[in-house]
Amino acid sequence: MIGNAPFFVVGLLFLGGLTAIFIEKNLIKIAIAIGIISSAVNLFLVALGYRAGGTAPIHFLAGERTVMVLPTPQAMTLTAIVISLATTAFLLSLIMLVYRHYGTLDVDEIRRLRG
């Protein structure tokens, strides 16, 4: 039985990513933490759509009384993965621009240099 294990993993991933965002001073590590939080959200969506003994949500292949997993969280997860990819690429491009301008990725140093 799968039980509540995915939800505990989601909580641990989310708290770990959130902690890293507030503790880390390196912009790359903060971007990685945002990716970890995004993965936690995707795992949460997949865990919500899980049904024990469920089959793929293809109605013409399954019988009338067949238990199927929910297709909506799967579609939302695919959409969230694409959005996360685009957001991460944008975030990393901004980090590259910050590095070119300030010469460092340390948040405290960037604040000090801002003037």
Protein backbone atom coordinates (compact mmCIF):
# COMPACT_ATOMS: atom_id res chain seq x y z
CA MET A 1 0.00 0.00 0.00
CA ILE A 2 1.21 3.43 -0.86
CA GLY A 3 -0.61 5.20 1.97
CA ASN A 4 0.43 8.73 2.82
CA ALA A 5 4.12 8.32 1.95
CA PRO A 6 4.00 10.58 -1.15
CA PHE A 7 2.48 13.39 0.89
CA PHE A 8 5.25 13.15 3.49
CA VAL A 9 7.83 13.24 0.69
CA VAL A 10 6.09 16.27 -0.79
CA GLY A 11 6.21 18.00 2.58
CA LEU A 12 9.90 17.21 3.04
CA LEU A 13 10.79 18.41 -0.46
CA PHE A 14 8.76 21.58 -0.08
CA LEU A 15 10.20 22.42 3.34
CA GLY A 16 13.72 21.62 2.17
CA GLY A 17 13.36 23.88 -0.86
CA LEU A 18 11.77 26.66 1.16
CA THR A 19 14.51 26.44 3.78
CA ALA A 20 17.19 26.58 1.09
CA ILE A 21 15.59 29.69 -0.43
CA PHE A 22 15.77 31.54 2.88
CA ILE A 23 19.18 30.25 4.03
CA GLU A 24 21.29 30.14 0.85
CA LYS A 25 23.09 33.23 -0.40
CA ASN A 26 24.10 31.89 -3.83
CA LEU A 27 21.64 32.66 -6.63
CA ILE A 28 22.25 29.32 -8.41
CA LYS A 29 21.42 27.41 -5.24
CA ILE A 30 18.26 29.47 -4.84
CA ALA A 31 17.27 28.57 -8.42
CA ILE A 32 17.85 24.89 -7.61
CA ALA A 33 15.67 25.24 -4.51
CA ILE A 34 12.87 26.71 -6.63
CA GLY A 35 13.19 23.68 -8.93
CA ILE A 36 12.89 21.37 -5.91
CA ILE A 37 9.71 23.14 -4.81
CA SER A 38 8.34 22.78 -8.32
CA SER A 39 9.07 19.05 -8.23
CA ALA A 40 7.28 18.80 -4.90
CA VAL A 41 4.20 20.43 -6.38
CA ASN A 42 4.29 18.05 -9.36
CA LEU A 43 4.58 15.04 -7.05
CA PHE A 44 1.64 16.37 -5.04
CA LEU A 45 -0.51 16.64 -8.15
CA VAL A 46 0.37 13.10 -9.25
CA ALA A 47 -0.30 11.74 -5.75
CA LEU A 48 -3.72 13.40 -5.72
CA GLY A 49 -4.72 11.63 -8.94
CA TYR A 50 -3.58 8.18 -7.80
CA ARG A 51 -6.18 5.48 -7.20
CA ALA A 52 -5.31 2.01 -5.95
CA GLY A 53 -5.76 -0.54 -8.72
CA GLY A 54 -6.53 2.17 -11.26
CA THR A 55 -5.82 1.80 -14.94
CA ALA A 56 -4.90 4.37 -17.57
CA PRO A 57 -7.72 6.85 -18.21
CA ILE A 58 -8.56 5.63 -21.71
CA HIS A 59 -12.30 5.07 -21.70
CA PHE A 60 -12.71 2.97 -24.83
CA LEU A 61 -10.08 0.43 -23.63
CA ALA A 62 -11.45 0.08 -20.11
CA GLY A 63 -14.66 -1.54 -19.08
CA GLU A 64 -17.66 0.28 -17.73
CA ARG A 65 -16.94 -0.53 -14.08
CA THR A 66 -13.14 -0.17 -14.26
CA VAL A 67 -11.46 2.14 -11.75
CA MET A 68 -9.26 4.65 -13.54
CA VAL A 69 -6.74 7.16 -12.25
CA LEU A 70 -7.75 10.79 -12.56
CA PRO A 71 -6.53 12.34 -15.84
CA THR A 72 -6.85 15.98 -14.77
CA PRO A 73 -3.90 15.99 -12.31
CA GLN A 74 -1.76 14.29 -14.95
CA ALA A 75 -2.56 17.02 -17.47
CA MET A 76 -1.94 19.71 -14.85
CA THR A 77 1.41 18.11 -14.00
CA LEU A 78 2.51 18.13 -17.63
CA THR A 79 1.55 21.78 -17.89
CA ALA A 80 3.36 22.58 -14.65
CA ILE A 81 6.52 20.85 -15.90
CA VAL A 82 6.56 22.99 -19.05
CA ILE A 83 5.93 26.18 -17.08
CA SER A 84 8.64 25.21 -14.60
CA LEU A 85 11.11 24.64 -17.41
CA ALA A 86 10.41 28.04 -18.92
CA THR A 87 10.57 29.74 -15.53
CA THR A 88 13.86 28.07 -14.68
CA ALA A 89 15.38 29.08 -18.02
CA PHE A 90 14.26 32.67 -17.48
CA LEU A 91 15.57 32.68 -13.91
CA LEU A 92 18.95 31.33 -14.97
CA SER A 93 19.22 33.92 -17.74
CA LEU A 94 18.53 36.66 -15.18
CA ILE A 95 21.19 35.15 -12.91
CA MET A 96 23.67 35.28 -15.80
CA LEU A 97 22.89 38.96 -16.33
CA VAL A 98 23.33 39.67 -12.62
CA TYR A 99 26.69 37.90 -12.68
CA ARG A 100 27.83 39.92 -15.71
CA HIS A 101 26.78 43.17 -14.08
CA TYR A 102 27.99 42.60 -10.50
CA GLY A 103 30.63 39.89 -10.93
CA THR A 104 29.24 37.79 -8.10
CA LEU A 105 26.30 35.51 -7.29
CA ASP A 106 26.25 36.25 -3.55
CA VAL A 107 23.02 37.98 -2.56
CA ASP A 108 24.59 39.97 0.28
CA GLU A 109 27.41 41.18 -1.96
CA ILE A 110 24.91 42.25 -4.65
CA ARG A 111 22.93 44.23 -2.08
CA ARG A 112 26.13 45.91 -0.87
CA LEU A 113 27.23 46.80 -4.41
CA ARG A 114 23.86 48.19 -5.41
CA GLY A 115 24.71 51.56 -3.87
